[in-house]
Amino acid sequence: MRNAKVISLIMIMGLALSVFSCQTITSKTGPTATLEVIPAETFLSPALIKQPISFKGSGFQAKEMISVEMVLPPGLKMKGVTEGENAVGIAVATADEQGNFTAAMAPTATLNWLFQVGWTPLLTPNLKEAKPLPPGVYQINATGLDTDRIAAATLTIVPPPKKQ
């Protein structure tokens, strides 16, 4: 009886080991991911609704979902972001067969995160409550959700041109 238990235990361990050894191990290595912010420098104006900031990246896995986020500088308080959060999602994309993607900020992302508008009960932007981001350099990250590959670039927000 004791031998049967030992043999059963050995068989179960061998079966478990074979199951674990047959799992596919995905590599975190691969091509270097890249990101371009277009335009890389801008001032905040209503024109960004019609011609939004866009993103172009490469080096991701084919058909991988990409999350584009703006990293918040320390000390920056942003409407709708709880303390301790350090980034906001500004676009999403899916990589093509070659691992490349393009994405653009949706108008709601531009209004929420760059202009920091308020919203009326009818879900229209309340521009009177807007608190635009201050000029500065903001880090933008594109992260592949399957591979955890991250590409980084910057977006520079400059002061608006002087009125003549």
Protein backbone atom coordinates (compact mmCIF):
# COMPACT_ATOMS: atom_id res chain seq x y z
CA MET A 1 0.00 0.00 0.00
CA ARG A 2 2.82 2.35 0.90
CA ASN A 3 4.59 1.65 -2.40
CA ALA A 4 1.40 2.46 -4.31
CA LYS A 5 1.20 5.87 -2.59
CA VAL A 6 4.86 6.59 -3.36
CA ILE A 7 4.41 5.55 -7.00
CA SER A 8 1.25 7.67 -7.28
CA LEU A 9 3.03 10.65 -5.77
CA ILE A 10 5.95 10.26 -8.19
CA MET A 11 3.55 9.99 -11.14
CA ILE A 12 1.65 13.11 -10.06
CA MET A 13 4.90 15.06 -9.62
CA GLY A 14 6.13 13.89 -13.03
CA LEU A 15 2.83 14.90 -14.66
CA ALA A 16 2.91 18.32 -12.97
CA LEU A 17 6.54 18.85 -14.04
CA SER A 18 5.72 17.95 -17.65
CA VAL A 19 2.76 20.36 -17.70
CA PHE A 20 4.91 23.22 -16.41
CA SER A 21 7.78 22.45 -18.74
CA CYS A 22 5.45 22.56 -21.78
CA GLN A 23 4.28 26.12 -21.12
CA THR A 24 5.47 28.71 -23.57
CA ILE A 25 7.90 31.14 -22.04
CA THR A 26 7.45 34.54 -23.58
CA SER A 27 10.55 36.63 -23.88
CA LYS A 28 10.54 40.22 -22.68
CA THR A 29 13.29 40.89 -25.18
CA GLY A 30 12.71 41.92 -28.73
CA PRO A 31 13.04 44.97 -30.89
CA THR A 32 13.55 48.32 -29.23
CA ALA A 33 10.26 50.18 -29.13
CA THR A 34 10.20 53.77 -30.39
CA LEU A 35 7.72 56.62 -30.03
CA GLU A 36 7.29 59.93 -31.82
CA VAL A 37 4.95 62.71 -30.64
CA ILE A 38 3.56 64.85 -33.47
CA PRO A 39 4.00 67.75 -33.01
CA ALA A 40 6.67 67.40 -30.35
CA GLU A 41 6.17 71.05 -29.36
CA THR A 42 2.90 72.98 -29.28
CA PHE A 43 0.95 75.60 -27.42
CA LEU A 44 -2.53 74.91 -26.10
CA SER A 45 -5.22 76.22 -28.42
CA PRO A 46 -8.66 75.10 -29.63
CA ALA A 47 -6.95 74.01 -32.88
CA LEU A 48 -5.81 70.85 -31.02
CA ILE A 49 -9.40 69.60 -31.17
CA LYS A 50 -9.42 69.59 -34.99
CA GLN A 51 -5.72 68.75 -35.42
CA PRO A 52 -4.95 66.61 -32.37
CA ILE A 53 -1.58 65.60 -31.03
CA SER A 54 -0.75 62.22 -32.52
CA PHE A 55 1.66 59.40 -31.81
CA LYS A 56 3.65 57.08 -34.04
CA GLY A 57 5.49 54.06 -32.71
CA SER A 58 7.33 50.91 -33.72
CA GLY A 59 9.00 47.85 -32.21
CA PHE A 60 5.90 46.32 -30.65
CA GLN A 61 4.42 42.87 -31.15
CA ALA A 62 2.08 42.35 -34.11
CA LYS A 63 -1.54 43.11 -33.19
CA GLU A 64 -0.51 44.22 -29.69
CA MET A 65 -2.67 46.78 -27.90
CA ILE A 66 -0.72 49.94 -27.02
CA SER A 67 -1.57 52.37 -24.22
CA VAL A 68 -0.23 55.91 -24.59
CA GLU A 69 0.09 57.82 -21.32
CA MET A 70 1.29 61.21 -20.18
CA VAL A 71 3.46 61.01 -17.06
CA LEU A 72 2.53 63.66 -14.54
CA PRO A 73 5.41 65.70 -13.14
CA PRO A 74 5.76 65.59 -9.34
CA GLY A 75 3.57 68.18 -7.66
CA LEU A 76 1.23 68.69 -10.62
CA LYS A 77 -2.37 68.48 -9.46
CA MET A 78 -4.72 67.46 -12.22
CA LYS A 79 -8.49 67.55 -12.16
CA GLY A 80 -9.94 64.03 -11.97
CA VAL A 81 -6.68 62.35 -10.95
CA THR A 82 -6.35 61.00 -7.43
CA GLU A 83 -3.21 61.69 -5.44
CA GLY A 84 -0.58 59.03 -6.05
CA GLU A 85 -1.51 58.41 -9.68
CA ASN A 86 1.42 59.38 -11.85
CA ALA A 87 0.03 59.12 -15.40
CA VAL A 88 -3.12 59.62 -17.45
CA GLY A 89 -4.16 57.67 -20.52
CA ILE A 90 -4.28 59.89 -23.58
CA ALA A 91 -4.63 57.43 -26.49
CA VAL A 92 -4.86 53.75 -27.41
CA ALA A 93 -3.89 51.85 -30.53
CA THR A 94 -3.31 48.38 -31.91
CA ALA A 95 -0.02 47.59 -33.60
CA ASP A 96 -0.12 46.37 -37.19
CA GLU A 97 1.52 43.16 -38.47
CA GLN A 98 4.97 44.83 -38.36
CA GLY A 99 4.53 46.11 -34.77
CA ASN A 100 3.95 49.74 -35.80
CA PHE A 101 1.10 51.94 -34.61
CA THR A 102 -0.40 55.39 -34.98
CA ALA A 103 -2.86 57.04 -32.63
CA ALA A 104 -4.25 60.48 -31.92
CA MET A 105 -5.68 62.12 -28.84
CA ALA A 106 -9.46 62.09 -28.86
CA PRO A 107 -11.12 65.48 -28.26
CA THR A 108 -12.25 64.33 -24.79
CA ALA A 109 -8.66 63.43 -23.83
CA THR A 110 -7.44 66.83 -25.07
CA LEU A 111 -10.16 68.64 -23.13
CA ASN A 112 -9.74 66.56 -19.95
CA TRP A 113 -5.97 66.34 -19.67
CA LEU A 114 -4.50 69.31 -21.55
CA PHE A 115 -7.17 71.94 -20.92
CA GLN A 116 -8.60 70.38 -17.73
CA VAL A 117 -12.12 71.59 -18.47
CA GLY A 118 -15.15 71.08 -16.31
CA TRP A 119 -18.21 69.30 -17.68
CA THR A 120 -21.86 70.38 -17.52
CA PRO A 121 -24.65 67.97 -16.53
CA LEU A 122 -25.38 67.63 -20.26
CA LEU A 123 -21.78 66.47 -20.82
CA THR A 124 -20.63 69.52 -22.72
CA PRO A 125 -17.27 71.06 -21.82
CA ASN A 126 -17.40 74.03 -19.47
CA LEU A 127 -14.48 76.09 -20.74
CA LYS A 128 -14.93 78.63 -17.92
CA GLU A 129 -13.60 76.00 -15.50
CA ALA A 130 -10.58 75.17 -17.68
CA LYS A 131 -7.17 75.07 -16.00
CA PRO A 132 -4.76 74.39 -18.88
CA LEU A 133 -1.53 72.55 -18.19
CA PRO A 134 1.36 74.91 -17.57
CA PRO A 135 4.11 75.17 -20.18
CA GLY A 136 6.77 72.53 -19.71
CA VAL A 137 8.16 69.24 -20.93
CA TYR A 138 5.90 66.23 -20.37
CA GLN A 139 7.01 62.61 -20.76
CA ILE A 140 4.83 60.44 -22.98
CA ASN A 141 5.05 56.63 -22.73
CA ALA A 142 3.67 54.02 -25.10
CA THR A 143 3.36 50.62 -23.45
CA GLY A 144 2.66 47.30 -25.18
CA LEU A 145 0.11 45.50 -23.05
CA ASP A 146 1.31 42.01 -24.04
CA THR A 147 5.08 42.49 -24.01
CA ASP A 148 5.42 45.33 -21.48
CA ARG A 149 7.70 47.10 -23.99
CA ILE A 150 7.82 50.82 -23.29
CA ALA A 151 8.81 53.59 -25.64
CA ALA A 152 9.20 57.15 -24.37
CA ALA A 153 9.21 60.59 -25.95
CA THR A 154 8.39 64.11 -24.80
CA LEU A 155 5.72 66.67 -25.52
CA THR A 156 6.75 70.27 -24.91
CA ILE A 157 3.97 72.71 -24.17
CA VAL A 158 5.09 76.25 -24.85
CA PRO A 159 3.38 79.53 -23.93
CA PRO A 160 0.96 80.81 -26.55
CA PRO A 161 2.33 83.43 -28.95
CA LYS A 162 2.05 87.05 -27.85
CA LYS A 163 -1.00 88.84 -29.24
CA GLN A 164 -0.08 91.68 -31.56
